[in-house]
Amino acid sequence: MDIIRAILGRLMVVLIYACGLSAILFVFGIFFFVFREGYPFMRDRIDWGEFFFSPEWYPNSETNKRYGALALILGTGSVVIIAMGLAVPFGLGAAIFVSEFCKGKTREFLKITIELLAAIPSVVWGFVGLMVINPLIIDVLGVSVGLNALNGGLVVAFMSLPIIVSIAEDSLKAVPDTYREAAQALGATRWQIVYKVLLPSAKNGLLAAVLLGVGRVVGETMAVLMATGHAVNIPFDSDIPFFHALESVRCLTATIASELGEAPRLLPNADGTYPEEADHYQALFVLGLLLFAITFTINLTADFIVKGVRRKG
């Protein structure tokens, strides 16, 4: 029996290591596939100045094809800023309320309700933006079109709330009860306990919740495709110093989803180069690499921030 247990223990260790390595291999495999498809365009055709600094994305033009991603990058950024500006305060506030101010059935009902939001498909959220938020924006703000960056930001803010609330609430609950009891013994009010004790103690988990919410927003596809208007515009206005939330925009993810099925994928020529008709297909994979770079930067920055917070703590 001891030998069997030892063998089973070894097998479990090997299985756990294999699962961990498989996750790494899958990520590298996905990156390799995307890089392989986009590399010919980066090698032979791309103009990096045009790609990053031109707002003109016209891959289907008959006479002058242009692959400027600036409007797509700024459109994605505007939706992320609006969504996180709404989701972070409401998400953290809801997590604090559920964790510290709710009891019994009320707390369980709110937790179930918040978690059920995560079960709603992206396309349903897109229909909400299209059929509900769109006419509301038109009626309330008096604009001609309600499919814009504000609409997309509202939709993905609702979509990121379950992640932020769940992880933030777990982080607050992980703070030892002795911290709360010690603060109460010193005469602190409930709000003082939250602000002075719980938030500093749970800052790593709260930061992780926010960053996961950012990742959810950046990677969303179908909802922003339906709610933002899907127009190649730079969301800036001369009268507004930052950005124009009522401008229709197009996001990186939505561009890939809407155009990849129609872009022709052709075989290489005898000299290893690809015909010009394949540029559109390969340019979309370059957009995918750009999304990889953005999410990698977010995760790397989060890692540095969390490590710095831990050192200070």
C-alpha atoms as a PDB file:
ATOM      1  CA  MET A   1       0.000   0.000   0.000  1.00  0.00           C
ATOM      2  CA  ASP A   2       2.807   2.432   0.821  1.00  0.00           C
ATOM      3  CA  ILE A   3       4.374   1.830  -2.582  1.00  0.00           C
ATOM      4  CA  ILE A   4       1.054   2.471  -4.322  1.00  0.00           C
ATOM      5  CA  ARG A   5       0.536   5.665  -2.354  1.00  0.00           C
ATOM      6  CA  ALA A   6       4.041   6.832  -3.222  1.00  0.00           C
ATOM      7  CA  ILE A   7       3.462   6.113  -6.913  1.00  0.00           C
ATOM      8  CA  LEU A   8       0.106   7.929  -6.852  1.00  0.00           C
ATOM      9  CA  GLY A   9       1.726  10.858  -5.078  1.00  0.00           C
ATOM     10  CA  ARG A  10       4.435  11.056  -7.732  1.00  0.00           C
ATOM     11  CA  LEU A  11       1.843  10.830 -10.498  1.00  0.00           C
ATOM     12  CA  MET A  12      -0.158  13.676  -8.980  1.00  0.00           C
ATOM     13  CA  VAL A  13       2.957  15.844  -8.764  1.00  0.00           C
ATOM     14  CA  VAL A  14       3.784  15.101 -12.408  1.00  0.00           C
ATOM     15  CA  LEU A  15       0.177  15.837 -13.430  1.00  0.00           C
ATOM     16  CA  ILE A  16       0.204  19.186 -11.598  1.00  0.00           C
ATOM     17  CA  TYR A  17       3.498  20.169 -13.234  1.00  0.00           C
ATOM     18  CA  ALA A  18       2.155  19.080 -16.623  1.00  0.00           C
ATOM     19  CA  CYS A  19      -0.962  21.223 -16.168  1.00  0.00           C
ATOM     20  CA  GLY A  20       1.153  24.235 -15.241  1.00  0.00           C
ATOM     21  CA  LEU A  21       3.483  23.765 -18.195  1.00  0.00           C
ATOM     22  CA  SER A  22       0.570  23.183 -20.571  1.00  0.00           C
ATOM     23  CA  ALA A  23      -0.865  26.609 -19.713  1.00  0.00           C
ATOM     24  CA  ILE A  24       2.472  28.216 -20.585  1.00  0.00           C
ATOM     25  CA  LEU A  25       2.737  26.190 -23.796  1.00  0.00           C
ATOM     26  CA  PHE A  26      -0.794  27.153 -24.854  1.00  0.00           C
ATOM     27  CA  VAL A  27      -0.040  30.856 -24.380  1.00  0.00           C
ATOM     28  CA  PHE A  28       3.189  30.592 -26.366  1.00  0.00           C
ATOM     29  CA  GLY A  29       1.390  28.517 -29.004  1.00  0.00           C
ATOM     30  CA  ILE A  30      -1.306  31.176 -29.464  1.00  0.00           C
ATOM     31  CA  PHE A  31       1.327  33.922 -29.644  1.00  0.00           C
ATOM     32  CA  PHE A  32       3.349  31.922 -32.197  1.00  0.00           C
ATOM     33  CA  PHE A  33       0.285  31.382 -34.394  1.00  0.00           C
ATOM     34  CA  VAL A  34      -0.666  35.067 -34.356  1.00  0.00           C
ATOM     35  CA  PHE A  35       2.953  36.135 -34.975  1.00  0.00           C
ATOM     36  CA  ARG A  36       3.339  33.639 -37.825  1.00  0.00           C
ATOM     37  CA  GLU A  37       0.280  34.988 -39.615  1.00  0.00           C
ATOM     38  CA  GLY A  38       1.205  38.642 -39.155  1.00  0.00           C
ATOM     39  CA  TYR A  39       4.962  38.444 -39.711  1.00  0.00           C
ATOM     40  CA  PRO A  40       4.917  38.568 -43.567  1.00  0.00           C
ATOM     41  CA  PHE A  41       3.045  41.881 -43.437  1.00  0.00           C
ATOM     42  CA  MET A  42       5.448  43.281 -40.833  1.00  0.00           C
ATOM     43  CA  ARG A  43       8.431  42.088 -42.884  1.00  0.00           C
ATOM     44  CA  ASP A  44       7.415  43.250 -46.362  1.00  0.00           C
ATOM     45  CA  ARG A  45       4.640  45.838 -46.295  1.00  0.00           C
ATOM     46  CA  ILE A  46       4.060  47.670 -43.035  1.00  0.00           C
ATOM     47  CA  ASP A  47       4.828  51.335 -42.509  1.00  0.00           C
ATOM     48  CA  TRP A  48       5.164  51.640 -38.734  1.00  0.00           C
ATOM     49  CA  GLY A  49       4.711  55.401 -38.797  1.00  0.00           C
ATOM     50  CA  GLU A  50       1.432  55.044 -40.663  1.00  0.00           C
ATOM     51  CA  PHE A  51       0.331  52.111 -38.519  1.00  0.00           C
ATOM     52  CA  PHE A  52       0.704  53.911 -35.170  1.00  0.00           C
ATOM     53  CA  PHE A  53       0.116  57.552 -36.119  1.00  0.00           C
ATOM     54  CA  SER A  54      -2.400  57.513 -38.954  1.00  0.00           C
ATOM     55  CA  PRO A  55      -6.156  57.336 -38.257  1.00  0.00           C
ATOM     56  CA  GLU A  56      -6.907  56.063 -41.768  1.00  0.00           C
ATOM     57  CA  TRP A  57      -7.929  52.412 -41.750  1.00  0.00           C
ATOM     58  CA  TYR A  58      -9.006  51.605 -45.317  1.00  0.00           C
ATOM     59  CA  PRO A  59      -7.872  48.020 -46.041  1.00  0.00           C
ATOM     60  CA  ASN A  60     -10.466  47.504 -48.798  1.00  0.00           C
ATOM     61  CA  SER A  61      -9.673  50.561 -50.903  1.00  0.00           C
ATOM     62  CA  GLU A  62      -9.184  49.722 -54.571  1.00  0.00           C
ATOM     63  CA  THR A  63      -6.559  52.398 -55.252  1.00  0.00           C
ATOM     64  CA  ASN A  64      -4.941  53.334 -51.935  1.00  0.00           C
ATOM     65  CA  LYS A  65      -5.019  50.778 -49.132  1.00  0.00           C
ATOM     66  CA  ARG A  66      -4.156  52.294 -45.745  1.00  0.00           C
ATOM     67  CA  TYR A  67      -3.534  50.520 -42.457  1.00  0.00           C
ATOM     68  CA  GLY A  68      -3.491  53.230 -39.795  1.00  0.00           C
ATOM     69  CA  ALA A  69      -4.467  51.908 -36.362  1.00  0.00           C
ATOM     70  CA  LEU A  70      -4.419  55.189 -34.398  1.00  0.00           C
ATOM     71  CA  ALA A  71      -8.204  55.630 -34.460  1.00  0.00           C
ATOM     72  CA  LEU A  72      -8.683  52.004 -33.379  1.00  0.00           C
ATOM     73  CA  ILE A  73      -6.220  52.387 -30.491  1.00  0.00           C
ATOM     74  CA  LEU A  74      -7.805  55.634 -29.300  1.00  0.00           C
ATOM     75  CA  GLY A  75     -11.293  54.166 -29.681  1.00  0.00           C
ATOM     76  CA  THR A  76     -10.312  51.227 -27.484  1.00  0.00           C
ATOM     77  CA  GLY A  77      -8.706  53.579 -24.966  1.00  0.00           C
ATOM     78  CA  SER A  78     -11.771  55.820 -24.760  1.00  0.00           C
ATOM     79  CA  VAL A  79     -14.058  52.856 -24.058  1.00  0.00           C
ATOM     80  CA  VAL A  80     -11.652  51.526 -21.405  1.00  0.00           C
ATOM     81  CA  ILE A  81     -11.413  54.914 -19.657  1.00  0.00           C
ATOM     82  CA  ILE A  82     -15.194  55.391 -19.551  1.00  0.00           C
ATOM     83  CA  ALA A  83     -15.819  51.813 -18.427  1.00  0.00           C
ATOM     84  CA  MET A  84     -13.230  51.827 -15.636  1.00  0.00           C
ATOM     85  CA  GLY A  85     -14.241  55.322 -14.528  1.00  0.00           C
ATOM     86  CA  LEU A  86     -17.689  53.861 -13.855  1.00  0.00           C
ATOM     87  CA  ALA A  87     -16.888  50.282 -12.864  1.00  0.00           C
ATOM     88  CA  VAL A  88     -14.054  50.895 -10.371  1.00  0.00           C
ATOM     89  CA  PRO A  89     -15.873  53.185  -7.895  1.00  0.00           C
ATOM     90  CA  PHE A  90     -19.162  51.316  -8.180  1.00  0.00           C
ATOM     91  CA  GLY A  91     -17.474  47.906  -8.078  1.00  0.00           C
ATOM     92  CA  LEU A  92     -15.304  48.663  -5.046  1.00  0.00           C
ATOM     93  CA  GLY A  93     -18.219  50.395  -3.334  1.00  0.00           C
ATOM     94  CA  ALA A  94     -20.467  47.383  -3.943  1.00  0.00           C
ATOM     95  CA  ALA A  95     -17.744  45.044  -2.646  1.00  0.00           C
ATOM     96  CA  ILE A  96     -17.374  47.091   0.550  1.00  0.00           C
ATOM     97  CA  PHE A  97     -21.149  47.191   1.020  1.00  0.00           C
ATOM     98  CA  VAL A  98     -21.582  43.449   0.499  1.00  0.00           C
ATOM     99  CA  SER A  99     -18.581  42.560   2.658  1.00  0.00           C
ATOM    100  CA  GLU A 100     -19.018  44.903   5.597  1.00  0.00           C
ATOM    101  CA  PHE A 101     -22.550  46.312   5.698  1.00  0.00           C
ATOM    102  CA  CYS A 102     -24.787  43.433   4.573  1.00  0.00           C
ATOM    103  CA  LYS A 103     -25.882  40.484   6.644  1.00  0.00           C
ATOM    104  CA  GLY A 104     -27.773  37.263   6.135  1.00  0.00           C
ATOM    105  CA  LYS A 105     -30.155  36.866   3.238  1.00  0.00           C
ATOM    106  CA  THR A 106     -29.594  40.371   1.881  1.00  0.00           C
ATOM    107  CA  ARG A 107     -25.885  39.686   1.439  1.00  0.00           C
ATOM    108  CA  GLU A 108     -26.467  36.323  -0.224  1.00  0.00           C
ATOM    109  CA  PHE A 109     -29.090  37.795  -2.556  1.00  0.00           C
ATOM    110  CA  LEU A 110     -26.760  40.595  -3.649  1.00  0.00           C
ATOM    111  CA  LYS A 111     -23.845  38.205  -4.191  1.00  0.00           C
ATOM    112  CA  ILE A 112     -25.955  35.878  -6.333  1.00  0.00           C
ATOM    113  CA  THR A 113     -27.369  38.810  -8.315  1.00  0.00           C
ATOM    114  CA  ILE A 114     -23.906  40.253  -9.013  1.00  0.00           C
ATOM    115  CA  GLU A 115     -22.496  36.886 -10.027  1.00  0.00           C
ATOM    116  CA  LEU A 116     -25.456  36.282 -12.349  1.00  0.00           C
ATOM    117  CA  LEU A 117     -24.380  39.356 -14.343  1.00  0.00           C
ATOM    118  CA  ALA A 118     -21.286  37.412 -15.398  1.00  0.00           C
ATOM    119  CA  ALA A 119     -23.515  34.714 -16.938  1.00  0.00           C
ATOM    120  CA  ILE A 120     -25.128  37.117 -19.416  1.00  0.00           C
ATOM    121  CA  PRO A 121     -23.583  36.569 -22.896  1.00  0.00           C
ATOM    122  CA  SER A 122     -21.701  39.393 -24.602  1.00  0.00           C
ATOM    123  CA  VAL A 123     -24.171  39.519 -27.483  1.00  0.00           C
ATOM    124  CA  VAL A 124     -27.036  40.122 -25.015  1.00  0.00           C
ATOM    125  CA  TRP A 125     -25.122  43.048 -23.513  1.00  0.00           C
ATOM    126  CA  GLY A 126     -24.638  44.291 -27.067  1.00  0.00           C
ATOM    127  CA  PHE A 127     -28.398  44.180 -27.632  1.00  0.00           C
ATOM    128  CA  VAL A 128     -28.885  46.102 -24.372  1.00  0.00           C
ATOM    129  CA  GLY A 129     -26.550  48.795 -25.662  1.00  0.00           C
ATOM    130  CA  LEU A 130     -28.242  48.807 -29.056  1.00  0.00           C
ATOM    131  CA  MET A 131     -31.892  48.717 -27.993  1.00  0.00           C
ATOM    132  CA  VAL A 132     -31.931  50.267 -24.500  1.00  0.00           C
ATOM    133  CA  ILE A 133     -28.938  52.541 -23.907  1.00  0.00           C
ATOM    134  CA  ASN A 134     -28.876  53.866 -27.474  1.00  0.00           C
ATOM    135  CA  PRO A 135     -32.342  55.536 -27.355  1.00  0.00           C
ATOM    136  CA  LEU A 136     -31.697  56.715 -23.774  1.00  0.00           C
ATOM    137  CA  ILE A 137     -28.552  58.557 -24.837  1.00  0.00           C
ATOM    138  CA  ILE A 138     -30.416  60.089 -27.787  1.00  0.00           C
ATOM    139  CA  ASP A 139     -33.328  61.279 -25.610  1.00  0.00           C
ATOM    140  CA  VAL A 140     -31.349  62.454 -22.579  1.00  0.00           C
ATOM    141  CA  LEU A 141     -28.318  64.033 -24.256  1.00  0.00           C
ATOM    142  CA  GLY A 142     -30.023  65.177 -27.449  1.00  0.00           C
ATOM    143  CA  VAL A 143     -27.547  63.610 -29.864  1.00  0.00           C
ATOM    144  CA  SER A 144     -28.430  62.135 -33.240  1.00  0.00           C
ATOM    145  CA  VAL A 145     -26.744  58.756 -32.648  1.00  0.00           C
ATOM    146  CA  GLY A 146     -26.479  56.904 -29.341  1.00  0.00           C
ATOM    147  CA  LEU A 147     -24.021  54.275 -30.534  1.00  0.00           C
ATOM    148  CA  ASN A 148     -20.784  55.823 -29.342  1.00  0.00           C
ATOM    149  CA  ALA A 149     -17.905  55.512 -26.877  1.00  0.00           C
ATOM    150  CA  LEU A 150     -20.196  56.358 -23.941  1.00  0.00           C
ATOM    151  CA  ASN A 151     -22.594  53.566 -24.866  1.00  0.00           C
ATOM    152  CA  GLY A 152     -19.770  51.044 -25.228  1.00  0.00           C
ATOM    153  CA  GLY A 153     -18.199  52.189 -21.963  1.00  0.00           C
ATOM    154  CA  LEU A 154     -21.483  51.772 -20.087  1.00  0.00           C
ATOM    155  CA  VAL A 155     -22.028  48.283 -21.478  1.00  0.00           C
ATOM    156  CA  VAL A 156     -18.555  46.933 -20.702  1.00  0.00           C
ATOM    157  CA  ALA A 157     -18.633  48.642 -17.300  1.00  0.00           C
ATOM    158  CA  PHE A 158     -21.616  46.444 -16.421  1.00  0.00           C
ATOM    159  CA  MET A 159     -19.761  43.433 -17.830  1.00  0.00           C
ATOM    160  CA  SER A 160     -16.647  44.039 -15.719  1.00  0.00           C
ATOM    161  CA  LEU A 161     -18.547  44.681 -12.471  1.00  0.00           C
ATOM    162  CA  PRO A 162     -18.967  40.994 -11.458  1.00  0.00           C
ATOM    163  CA  ILE A 163     -15.206  40.390 -11.678  1.00  0.00           C
ATOM    164  CA  ILE A 164     -14.307  43.516  -9.722  1.00  0.00           C
ATOM    165  CA  VAL A 165     -16.956  42.995  -7.051  1.00  0.00           C
ATOM    166  CA  SER A 166     -16.276  39.271  -6.523  1.00  0.00           C
ATOM    167  CA  ILE A 167     -12.486  39.547  -6.246  1.00  0.00           C
ATOM    168  CA  ALA A 168     -12.605  42.745  -4.181  1.00  0.00           C
ATOM    169  CA  GLU A 169     -15.156  41.236  -1.798  1.00  0.00           C
ATOM    170  CA  ASP A 170     -13.019  38.120  -1.351  1.00  0.00           C
ATOM    171  CA  SER A 171      -9.984  40.314  -0.645  1.00  0.00           C
ATOM    172  CA  LEU A 172     -11.860  42.277   2.012  1.00  0.00           C
ATOM    173  CA  LYS A 173     -13.146  39.083   3.618  1.00  0.00           C
ATOM    174  CA  ALA A 174      -9.583  37.737   3.715  1.00  0.00           C
ATOM    175  CA  VAL A 175      -8.539  40.511   6.113  1.00  0.00           C
ATOM    176  CA  PRO A 176      -8.348  38.879   9.584  1.00  0.00           C
ATOM    177  CA  ASP A 177     -11.235  39.666  11.933  1.00  0.00           C
ATOM    178  CA  THR A 178      -8.691  40.586  14.616  1.00  0.00           C
ATOM    179  CA  TYR A 179      -7.959  43.764  12.628  1.00  0.00           C
ATOM    180  CA  ARG A 180     -11.606  44.793  12.795  1.00  0.00           C
ATOM    181  CA  GLU A 181     -11.879  43.890  16.486  1.00  0.00           C
ATOM    182  CA  ALA A 182      -8.749  45.862  17.366  1.00  0.00           C
ATOM    183  CA  ALA A 183     -10.046  48.925  15.492  1.00  0.00           C
ATOM    184  CA  GLN A 184     -13.421  48.658  17.239  1.00  0.00           C
ATOM    185  CA  ALA A 185     -11.666  48.382  20.600  1.00  0.00           C
ATOM    186  CA  LEU A 186      -9.915  51.686  19.840  1.00  0.00           C
ATOM    187  CA  GLY A 187     -13.270  53.343  19.177  1.00  0.00           C
ATOM    188  CA  ALA A 188     -13.167  53.470  15.371  1.00  0.00           C
ATOM    189  CA  THR A 189     -16.441  53.814  13.500  1.00  0.00           C
ATOM    190  CA  ARG A 190     -17.425  51.377  10.775  1.00  0.00           C
ATOM    191  CA  TRP A 191     -16.370  53.790   8.018  1.00  0.00           C
ATOM    192  CA  GLN A 192     -13.066  54.437   9.765  1.00  0.00           C
ATOM    193  CA  ILE A 193     -12.444  50.686   9.907  1.00  0.00           C
ATOM    194  CA  VAL A 194     -13.097  50.436   6.174  1.00  0.00           C
ATOM    195  CA  TYR A 195     -10.910  53.408   5.237  1.00  0.00           C
ATOM    196  CA  LYS A 196      -8.083  53.049   7.755  1.00  0.00           C
ATOM    197  CA  VAL A 197      -7.881  49.275   8.205  1.00  0.00           C
ATOM    198  CA  LEU A 198      -9.565  47.214   5.486  1.00  0.00           C
ATOM    199  CA  LEU A 199      -8.591  49.133   2.348  1.00  0.00           C
ATOM    200  CA  PRO A 200      -4.859  49.331   3.212  1.00  0.00           C
ATOM    201  CA  SER A 201      -4.818  45.664   4.275  1.00  0.00           C
ATOM    202  CA  ALA A 202      -6.597  44.433   1.136  1.00  0.00           C
ATOM    203  CA  LYS A 203      -4.899  46.776  -1.350  1.00  0.00           C
ATOM    204  CA  ASN A 204      -3.166  43.972  -3.261  1.00  0.00           C
ATOM    205  CA  GLY A 205      -6.418  42.112  -3.870  1.00  0.00           C
ATOM    206  CA  LEU A 206      -8.283  45.308  -4.724  1.00  0.00           C
ATOM    207  CA  LEU A 207      -5.617  46.253  -7.242  1.00  0.00           C
ATOM    208  CA  ALA A 208      -5.837  42.787  -8.769  1.00  0.00           C
ATOM    209  CA  ALA A 209      -9.619  43.180  -9.050  1.00  0.00           C
ATOM    210  CA  VAL A 210      -9.274  46.487 -10.882  1.00  0.00           C
ATOM    211  CA  LEU A 211      -6.633  45.168 -13.278  1.00  0.00           C
ATOM    212  CA  LEU A 212      -8.680  42.072 -14.082  1.00  0.00           C
ATOM    213  CA  GLY A 213     -11.559  44.415 -14.813  1.00  0.00           C
ATOM    214  CA  VAL A 214      -9.312  46.366 -17.207  1.00  0.00           C
ATOM    215  CA  GLY A 215      -8.360  43.112 -18.935  1.00  0.00           C
ATOM    216  CA  ARG A 216     -12.036  42.213 -19.277  1.00  0.00           C
ATOM    217  CA  VAL A 217     -12.782  45.559 -20.898  1.00  0.00           C
ATOM    218  CA  VAL A 218      -9.802  45.539 -23.271  1.00  0.00           C
ATOM    219  CA  GLY A 219     -10.598  42.029 -24.512  1.00  0.00           C
ATOM    220  CA  GLU A 220     -14.336  42.491 -25.028  1.00  0.00           C
ATOM    221  CA  THR A 221     -15.456  42.091 -28.639  1.00  0.00           C
ATOM    222  CA  MET A 222     -19.121  41.546 -29.466  1.00  0.00           C
ATOM    223  CA  ALA A 223     -20.603  44.102 -27.066  1.00  0.00           C
ATOM    224  CA  VAL A 224     -18.355  46.946 -28.235  1.00  0.00           C
ATOM    225  CA  LEU A 225     -18.941  45.933 -31.860  1.00  0.00           C
ATOM    226  CA  MET A 226     -22.674  46.487 -31.384  1.00  0.00           C
ATOM    227  CA  ALA A 227     -22.664  49.430 -28.971  1.00  0.00           C
ATOM    228  CA  THR A 228     -19.933  51.818 -30.151  1.00  0.00           C
ATOM    229  CA  GLY A 229     -21.160  52.532 -33.682  1.00  0.00           C
ATOM    230  CA  HIS A 230     -18.148  50.772 -35.223  1.00  0.00           C
ATOM    231  CA  ALA A 231     -16.972  53.907 -37.041  1.00  0.00           C
ATOM    232  CA  VAL A 232     -13.307  54.733 -37.631  1.00  0.00           C
ATOM    233  CA  ASN A 233     -13.142  58.056 -35.772  1.00  0.00           C
ATOM    234  CA  ILE A 234     -10.712  59.723 -33.420  1.00  0.00           C
ATOM    235  CA  PRO A 235     -12.824  60.499 -30.309  1.00  0.00           C
ATOM    236  CA  PHE A 236     -11.531  64.032 -29.830  1.00  0.00           C
ATOM    237  CA  ASP A 237     -13.211  67.382 -30.130  1.00  0.00           C
ATOM    238  CA  SER A 238     -11.585  70.798 -30.376  1.00  0.00           C
ATOM    239  CA  ASP A 239     -13.842  72.115 -27.595  1.00  0.00           C
ATOM    240  CA  ILE A 240     -13.107  69.204 -25.231  1.00  0.00           C
ATOM    241  CA  PRO A 241      -9.519  68.858 -23.979  1.00  0.00           C
ATOM    242  CA  PHE A 242      -9.655  65.106 -23.381  1.00  0.00           C
ATOM    243  CA  PHE A 243     -11.939  63.046 -25.574  1.00  0.00           C
ATOM    244  CA  HIS A 244     -15.452  63.172 -26.930  1.00  0.00           C
ATOM    245  CA  ALA A 245     -17.499  60.398 -25.327  1.00  0.00           C
ATOM    246  CA  LEU A 246     -20.399  60.964 -27.745  1.00  0.00           C
ATOM    247  CA  GLU A 247     -18.294  60.139 -30.813  1.00  0.00           C
ATOM    248  CA  SER A 248     -18.810  56.794 -32.545  1.00  0.00           C
ATOM    249  CA  VAL A 249     -15.611  54.739 -32.360  1.00  0.00           C
ATOM    250  CA  ARG A 250     -14.187  51.399 -33.410  1.00  0.00           C
ATOM    251  CA  CYS A 251     -12.162  49.127 -31.123  1.00  0.00           C
ATOM    252  CA  LEU A 252      -9.273  46.826 -31.964  1.00  0.00           C
ATOM    253  CA  THR A 253     -11.115  43.659 -30.986  1.00  0.00           C
ATOM    254  CA  ALA A 254     -14.251  44.616 -32.913  1.00  0.00           C
ATOM    255  CA  THR A 255     -12.183  45.342 -36.025  1.00  0.00           C
ATOM    256  CA  ILE A 256     -10.589  41.896 -35.933  1.00  0.00           C
ATOM    257  CA  ALA A 257     -13.928  40.167 -35.347  1.00  0.00           C
ATOM    258  CA  SER A 258     -15.819  42.010 -38.090  1.00  0.00           C
ATOM    259  CA  GLU A 259     -13.171  41.901 -40.829  1.00  0.00           C
ATOM    260  CA  LEU A 260     -11.277  38.625 -40.384  1.00  0.00           C
ATOM    261  CA  GLY A 261     -13.961  36.495 -42.022  1.00  0.00           C
ATOM    262  CA  GLU A 262     -13.946  38.605 -45.193  1.00  0.00           C
ATOM    263  CA  ALA A 263     -10.176  39.125 -45.535  1.00  0.00           C
ATOM    264  CA  PRO A 264      -8.658  36.773 -48.129  1.00  0.00           C
ATOM    265  CA  ARG A 265      -5.850  34.471 -47.007  1.00  0.00           C
ATOM    266  CA  LEU A 266      -3.594  33.652 -49.956  1.00  0.00           C
ATOM    267  CA  LEU A 267      -0.619  31.362 -50.468  1.00  0.00           C
ATOM    268  CA  PRO A 268       2.880  32.865 -50.779  1.00  0.00           C
ATOM    269  CA  ASN A 269       4.540  33.499 -54.131  1.00  0.00           C
ATOM    270  CA  ALA A 270       7.500  31.477 -55.375  1.00  0.00           C
ATOM    271  CA  ASP A 271       9.956  33.950 -53.801  1.00  0.00           C
ATOM    272  CA  GLY A 272       8.333  33.660 -50.365  1.00  0.00           C
ATOM    273  CA  THR A 273       6.483  36.967 -50.497  1.00  0.00           C
ATOM    274  CA  TYR A 274       2.699  37.323 -50.346  1.00  0.00           C
ATOM    275  CA  PRO A 275       0.447  39.069 -52.881  1.00  0.00           C
ATOM    276  CA  GLU A 276      -0.954  42.435 -51.924  1.00  0.00           C
ATOM    277  CA  GLU A 277      -4.447  40.962 -51.527  1.00  0.00           C
ATOM    278  CA  ALA A 278      -3.247  39.141 -48.392  1.00  0.00           C
ATOM    279  CA  ASP A 279      -2.232  42.362 -46.626  1.00  0.00           C
ATOM    280  CA  HIS A 280      -5.640  42.865 -45.027  1.00  0.00           C
ATOM    281  CA  TYR A 281      -5.686  39.405 -43.480  1.00  0.00           C
ATOM    282  CA  GLN A 282      -2.150  39.737 -42.131  1.00  0.00           C
ATOM    283  CA  ALA A 283      -2.721  43.298 -40.880  1.00  0.00           C
ATOM    284  CA  LEU A 284      -5.526  42.010 -38.665  1.00  0.00           C
ATOM    285  CA  PHE A 285      -3.070  39.625 -37.024  1.00  0.00           C
ATOM    286  CA  VAL A 286      -0.729  42.565 -36.442  1.00  0.00           C
ATOM    287  CA  LEU A 287      -3.631  44.167 -34.576  1.00  0.00           C
ATOM    288  CA  GLY A 288      -3.824  40.941 -32.577  1.00  0.00           C
ATOM    289  CA  LEU A 289      -0.135  41.273 -31.721  1.00  0.00           C
ATOM    290  CA  LEU A 290      -0.795  44.842 -30.623  1.00  0.00           C
ATOM    291  CA  LEU A 291      -3.526  43.577 -28.297  1.00  0.00           C
ATOM    292  CA  PHE A 292      -1.068  41.015 -26.922  1.00  0.00           C
ATOM    293  CA  ALA A 293       1.411  43.822 -26.264  1.00  0.00           C
ATOM    294  CA  ILE A 294      -1.217  45.953 -24.510  1.00  0.00           C
ATOM    295  CA  THR A 295      -2.377  43.150 -22.211  1.00  0.00           C
ATOM    296  CA  PHE A 296       1.227  42.120 -21.506  1.00  0.00           C
ATOM    297  CA  THR A 297       2.059  45.702 -20.535  1.00  0.00           C
ATOM    298  CA  ILE A 298      -0.978  45.867 -18.239  1.00  0.00           C
ATOM    299  CA  ASN A 299      -0.033  42.601 -16.520  1.00  0.00           C
ATOM    300  CA  LEU A 300       3.639  43.552 -16.212  1.00  0.00           C
ATOM    301  CA  THR A 301       2.758  46.960 -14.762  1.00  0.00           C
ATOM    302  CA  ALA A 302       0.360  45.306 -12.327  1.00  0.00           C
ATOM    303  CA  ASP A 303       3.063  42.881 -11.242  1.00  0.00           C
ATOM    304  CA  PHE A 304       5.499  45.720 -10.552  1.00  0.00           C
ATOM    305  CA  ILE A 305       2.849  47.708  -8.688  1.00  0.00           C
ATOM    306  CA  VAL A 306       1.788  44.762  -6.524  1.00  0.00           C
ATOM    307  CA  LYS A 307       5.403  43.933  -5.681  1.00  0.00           C
ATOM    308  CA  GLY A 308       6.056  47.561  -4.778  1.00  0.00           C
ATOM    309  CA  VAL A 309       2.964  47.656  -2.589  1.00  0.00           C
ATOM    310  CA  ARG A 310       4.080  44.471  -0.815  1.00  0.00           C
ATOM    311  CA  ARG A 311       7.546  45.906  -0.121  1.00  0.00           C
ATOM    312  CA  LYS A 312       6.043  49.076   1.361  1.00  0.00           C
ATOM    313  CA  GLY A 313       3.647  46.971   3.422  1.00  0.00           C
END
